[in-house]
Protein backbone atom coordinates (compact mmCIF):
# COMPACT_ATOMS: atom_id res chain seq x y z
CA MET A 1 0.00 0.00 0.00
CA ARG A 2 1.26 3.44 -0.90
CA VAL A 3 0.82 5.80 2.06
CA LEU A 4 0.86 9.55 1.44
CA ILE A 5 0.67 11.89 4.42
CA ALA A 6 -0.57 15.40 3.70
CA LYS A 7 -0.62 18.41 6.00
CA ASP A 8 -4.40 18.81 6.04
CA TYR A 9 -7.77 17.81 4.60
CA GLU A 10 -7.55 20.28 1.73
CA GLU A 11 -4.30 18.77 0.52
CA ILE A 12 -5.72 15.24 0.75
CA SER A 13 -8.67 16.31 -1.37
CA LYS A 14 -6.47 17.92 -4.02
CA LYS A 15 -4.12 14.93 -4.23
CA ALA A 16 -7.10 12.59 -4.61
CA ALA A 17 -8.61 14.83 -7.29
CA ASP A 18 -5.32 14.80 -9.20
CA ILE A 19 -5.41 10.99 -9.27
CA VAL A 20 -8.97 11.03 -10.62
CA LYS A 21 -8.12 13.77 -13.11
CA ASP A 22 -5.14 11.80 -14.42
CA LEU A 23 -7.31 8.71 -14.96
CA ILE A 24 -10.04 10.64 -16.80
CA GLN A 25 -7.49 12.28 -19.08
CA ARG A 26 -5.90 8.91 -19.85
CA LYS A 27 -9.19 7.06 -20.16
CA PRO A 28 -12.16 9.39 -20.80
CA ASP A 29 -14.66 6.51 -20.56
CA CYS A 30 -13.34 5.25 -17.24
CA VAL A 31 -15.48 3.72 -14.49
CA LEU A 32 -15.28 5.31 -11.04
CA GLY A 33 -16.41 3.74 -7.78
CA LEU A 34 -17.62 6.44 -5.41
CA ALA A 35 -18.14 6.78 -1.67
CA THR A 36 -20.32 9.03 0.47
CA GLY A 37 -19.88 10.51 3.93
CA SER A 38 -18.00 13.64 4.97
CA THR A 39 -14.53 12.45 3.93
CA PRO A 40 -14.87 12.58 0.10
CA VAL A 41 -16.76 15.90 0.03
CA GLY A 42 -13.54 17.86 -0.45
CA LEU A 43 -12.54 15.58 -3.32
CA TYR A 44 -15.90 16.08 -5.02
CA ARG A 45 -15.69 19.83 -4.51
CA GLU A 46 -12.27 19.87 -6.16
CA LEU A 47 -13.45 17.71 -9.08
CA ALA A 48 -16.32 20.14 -9.68
CA ARG A 49 -13.80 22.99 -9.67
CA LEU A 50 -11.58 21.16 -12.16
CA HIS A 51 -14.57 20.74 -14.46
CA ARG A 52 -15.69 24.34 -14.06
CA GLU A 53 -12.30 26.05 -14.32
CA GLU A 54 -10.15 23.61 -16.30
CA GLY A 55 -12.73 21.81 -18.41
CA LEU A 56 -12.24 18.32 -16.96
CA ASP A 57 -14.70 16.29 -19.03
CA PHE A 58 -16.95 13.74 -17.30
CA SER A 59 -19.29 13.21 -20.25
CA ARG A 60 -18.12 9.63 -20.92
CA VAL A 61 -17.48 8.61 -17.30
CA THR A 62 -19.56 5.93 -15.57
CA THR A 63 -19.89 5.77 -11.78
CA PHE A 64 -21.02 3.17 -9.25
CA ASN A 65 -21.65 4.05 -5.64
CA LEU A 66 -20.71 1.73 -2.83
CA ASP A 67 -23.95 1.72 -0.88
CA GLU A 68 -27.32 3.16 0.03
CA TYR A 69 -29.53 3.10 3.11
CA TYR A 70 -32.25 0.49 2.76
CA GLY A 71 -35.70 2.00 3.02
CA LEU A 72 -34.83 5.45 1.69
CA SER A 73 -36.08 6.54 -1.73
CA PRO A 74 -33.66 8.35 -4.09
CA GLU A 75 -35.56 11.56 -3.34
CA HIS A 76 -35.04 11.36 0.43
CA PRO A 77 -32.72 14.20 1.52
CA GLN A 78 -30.46 11.76 3.39
CA SER A 79 -30.27 9.21 0.57
CA TYR A 80 -26.89 8.70 -1.01
CA ARG A 81 -28.36 9.43 -4.44
CA CYS A 82 -29.33 12.87 -3.13
CA PHE A 83 -25.88 13.26 -1.55
CA MET A 84 -24.11 12.48 -4.81
CA ASN A 85 -26.31 14.82 -6.84
CA GLU A 86 -25.70 17.69 -4.42
CA ASN A 87 -21.98 17.14 -3.84
CA LEU A 88 -20.78 16.06 -7.29
CA PHE A 89 -23.13 15.16 -10.13
CA ASN A 90 -24.93 18.50 -10.33
CA GLY A 91 -21.59 20.28 -10.60
CA ILE A 92 -20.07 18.33 -13.50
CA ASN A 93 -21.13 17.34 -17.02
CA ILE A 94 -21.74 13.68 -16.28
CA ASN A 95 -24.70 11.87 -17.86
CA LYS A 96 -26.78 10.87 -14.85
CA LYS A 97 -27.96 7.80 -16.74
CA ASN A 98 -24.38 6.58 -16.27
CA THR A 99 -24.39 7.15 -12.50
CA PHE A 100 -25.49 4.13 -10.48
CA VAL A 101 -26.43 4.08 -6.81
CA PRO A 102 -28.00 1.05 -5.12
CA GLU A 103 -31.79 1.37 -4.96
CA GLY A 104 -32.78 1.72 -1.31
CA SER A 105 -36.50 1.43 -1.99
CA VAL A 106 -36.39 -1.91 -3.80
CA LYS A 107 -38.89 -4.42 -2.39
CA MET A 108 -37.46 -6.90 0.11
CA GLU A 109 -38.34 -9.88 -2.08
CA GLU A 110 -36.39 -8.24 -4.93
CA VAL A 111 -33.25 -7.32 -2.97
CA GLU A 112 -31.22 -10.40 -3.83
CA ASP A 113 -31.97 -10.08 -7.54
CA PHE A 114 -31.19 -6.36 -7.48
CA CYS A 115 -27.81 -6.95 -5.82
CA ARG A 116 -26.92 -9.65 -8.34
CA LYS A 117 -27.80 -7.32 -11.21
CA TYR A 118 -25.76 -4.49 -9.65
CA GLU A 119 -22.71 -6.74 -9.72
CA GLU A 120 -23.47 -7.72 -13.32
CA ARG A 121 -23.81 -4.07 -14.33
CA ILE A 122 -20.35 -3.31 -12.95
CA LYS A 123 -18.90 -6.17 -14.98
CA GLN A 124 -20.75 -5.07 -18.11
CA ALA A 125 -19.22 -1.62 -17.71
CA GLY A 126 -15.77 -3.20 -17.77
CA GLY A 127 -15.16 -3.20 -14.03
CA ILE A 128 -14.21 -0.31 -11.77
CA ASP A 129 -11.00 1.45 -12.80
CA LEU A 130 -10.64 3.52 -9.62
CA GLN A 131 -12.50 3.06 -6.35
CA VAL A 132 -12.74 5.90 -3.82
CA LEU A 133 -13.03 4.78 -0.18
CA GLY A 134 -13.31 6.31 3.25
CA ILE A 135 -13.21 4.38 6.51
CA GLY A 136 -15.83 4.07 9.25
CA GLY A 137 -15.13 4.54 12.92
CA ASP A 138 -15.15 0.76 13.39
CA GLY A 139 -12.83 0.19 10.42
CA HIS A 140 -15.47 -0.65 7.84
CA ILE A 141 -15.32 0.10 4.11
CA ALA A 142 -18.65 0.70 2.36
CA PHE A 143 -21.12 -0.76 4.87
CA ASN A 144 -19.09 -3.92 5.42
CA GLU A 145 -19.35 -3.93 9.19
CA PRO A 146 -17.06 -5.92 11.52
CA GLY A 147 -17.47 -9.62 10.85
CA SER A 148 -18.27 -9.22 7.15
CA SER A 149 -16.76 -11.85 4.90
CA LEU A 150 -13.70 -10.61 3.04
CA ASN A 151 -15.13 -12.35 -0.03
CA SER A 152 -18.56 -10.71 0.33
CA ARG A 153 -20.53 -9.35 -2.60
CA THR A 154 -23.21 -6.67 -2.98
CA ARG A 155 -25.96 -7.51 -0.51
CA LEU A 156 -28.33 -6.34 2.22
CA VAL A 157 -26.44 -5.63 5.45
CA ALA A 158 -27.36 -4.74 9.03
CA LEU A 159 -25.66 -1.63 10.38
CA ASP A 160 -23.55 -1.78 13.52
CA GLU A 161 -24.51 0.33 16.52
CA GLN A 162 -21.36 2.44 16.17
CA THR A 163 -22.17 3.20 12.52
CA ILE A 164 -25.71 4.21 13.47
CA ASN A 165 -24.39 6.52 16.19
CA ASP A 166 -21.69 7.95 13.89
CA ASN A 167 -24.26 8.72 11.19
CA ALA A 168 -26.86 10.15 13.53
CA ARG A 169 -25.42 13.64 12.93
CA PHE A 170 -26.95 13.56 9.45
CA PHE A 171 -30.44 12.85 10.82
CA GLU A 172 -32.67 14.48 13.43
CA SER A 173 -31.86 11.67 15.87
CA SER A 174 -30.19 8.25 15.97
CA GLU A 175 -33.68 6.68 15.88
CA ASP A 176 -34.10 8.08 12.36
CA VAL A 177 -30.97 6.37 11.00
CA PRO A 178 -31.90 3.31 8.90
CA ARG A 179 -30.79 0.01 10.44
CA PHE A 180 -30.06 -1.69 7.11
CA ALA A 181 -28.31 -0.84 3.85
CA LEU A 182 -27.42 -2.22 0.45
CA SER A 183 -23.66 -2.38 0.09
CA MET A 184 -20.96 -3.56 -2.24
CA GLY A 185 -19.03 -6.38 -0.60
CA VAL A 186 -15.36 -6.44 0.31
CA GLY A 187 -14.77 -8.90 -2.53
CA THR A 188 -16.48 -6.53 -4.97
CA ILE A 189 -14.32 -3.60 -3.83
CA LEU A 190 -11.10 -5.60 -4.15
CA GLU A 191 -11.86 -6.24 -7.83
CA ALA A 192 -11.29 -2.54 -8.67
CA MET A 193 -8.15 -1.94 -10.71
CA GLU A 194 -6.97 0.79 -8.32
CA ILE A 195 -8.15 2.16 -4.97
CA ILE A 196 -7.68 5.46 -3.16
CA PHE A 197 -8.38 5.36 0.55
CA LEU A 198 -9.00 8.70 2.28
CA ALA A 199 -8.94 9.48 6.00
CA ASN A 200 -8.62 12.62 8.06
CA GLY A 201 -8.84 13.59 11.70
CA VAL A 202 -7.43 12.14 14.89
CA LYS A 203 -10.63 10.16 15.53
CA LYS A 204 -9.72 7.92 12.58
CA ALA A 205 -6.05 7.42 13.61
CA GLY A 206 -6.61 4.16 15.46
CA VAL A 207 -8.63 2.38 12.77
CA VAL A 208 -6.35 3.73 10.04
CA ALA A 209 -3.37 2.12 11.78
CA GLU A 210 -5.28 -1.15 12.12
CA ALA A 211 -6.23 -1.08 8.44
CA ILE A 212 -2.74 -0.30 7.13
CA GLU A 213 -0.41 -1.98 9.62
CA GLY A 214 -2.58 -4.41 11.57
CA PRO A 215 -3.51 -8.00 10.79
CA ILE A 216 -5.96 -8.71 7.99
CA THR A 217 -9.21 -9.45 9.75
CA SER A 218 -12.93 -9.37 9.07
CA MET A 219 -13.31 -7.34 12.27
CA VAL A 220 -11.64 -4.41 10.47
CA THR A 221 -12.78 -4.84 6.90
CA ALA A 222 -10.55 -2.00 5.66
CA SER A 223 -7.57 -4.24 6.51
CA ALA A 224 -8.50 -6.30 3.43
CA LEU A 225 -7.03 -3.46 1.36
CA GLN A 226 -3.62 -4.92 2.23
CA LEU A 227 -4.50 -7.71 -0.22
CA HIS A 228 -4.84 -5.30 -3.15
CA PRO A 229 -1.80 -4.48 -5.34
CA ARG A 230 -2.67 -0.83 -6.06
CA VAL A 231 -3.96 1.10 -3.06
CA THR A 232 -3.01 4.69 -2.24
CA ALA A 233 -3.87 5.81 1.29
CA LEU A 234 -4.18 9.59 1.54
CA LEU A 235 -4.05 10.74 5.16
CA ASP A 236 -3.70 14.02 6.97
CA GLU A 237 -1.25 14.39 9.87
CA ASP A 238 -3.89 13.61 12.49
CA ALA A 239 -5.13 10.44 10.78
CA SER A 240 -1.54 9.16 10.52
CA ASP A 241 -0.87 9.75 14.22
CA SER A 242 -0.99 6.07 15.27
CA LEU A 243 1.05 4.63 12.38
CA ARG A 244 4.37 3.05 13.39
CA ARG A 245 6.16 3.42 10.05
CA VAL A 246 5.59 7.09 9.25
CA SER A 247 9.29 7.74 8.62
CA PHE A 248 9.36 4.92 6.06
CA TYR A 249 6.27 6.22 4.25
CA ARG A 250 7.81 9.68 4.05
CA PHE A 251 11.11 8.23 2.80
CA VAL A 252 9.33 6.39 -0.02
CA GLU A 253 7.31 9.45 -1.00
CA ASP A 254 10.42 11.65 -1.00
CA ALA A 255 12.15 9.20 -3.37
CA GLY A 256 10.25 10.84 -6.22
CA GLU A 257 7.48 10.06 -8.68
CA GLU A 258 9.64 8.00 -11.03
CA ILE A 259 10.57 5.49 -8.31
CA ASN A 260 7.04 5.50 -6.92
CA LYS A 261 5.62 4.53 -10.31
CA ARG A 262 7.76 1.40 -10.20
CA LEU A 263 7.13 0.62 -6.56
CA PHE A 264 3.38 0.85 -6.91
């Protein structure tokens, strides 16, 4: 895993946007995997700026989101479809017919079929070229809570109490947070060609260290990223606070882009 430590959240967001920009310029019809939550908002803001001020063209890009609360319609203000429209899609020239978010209002008897078709749609698009990830307070990626199989696929999941409490700030109360979600599985995520993993703030330092330097375990599903050959972790100083090998990561980064291209 390539670990880049930036001074602050703004720098993380710009570095992540540069990686996305480079991919789109190399492959205009690329497929992006996208995340929600507060962490990627800065990235999406910077991508919208790149489109607005530098003409970054999203017209041929396809996107797949990681997850959606089960029971929320796309029009619900706390749905992830609404989040993506507000924070990214409305600010760029992407064709919304090419933006896919799991359908939170699908009937329960249709959930399994929907999840299977979501996986098939990703494959039909050619697979995900670049997956954007954050990390939950309990170390989860997407909504793959502790104990999720590291081979899991897109499915209905139950949300952990910590996730519900962490996400309560987006709702009027914790009682309003949905208890279930549709989520890409860990196995689905690991099939992406490349992954960028974003984290900021001292509250994430512990789980970031477990994910990057700890054992691979289903109790911290982000640790499965150690199995992937092309992951870039973008952290601010606070989020890197519990890492043991910071000096090594800085040494590798300081070696220069040419060496880094060959290392990663």
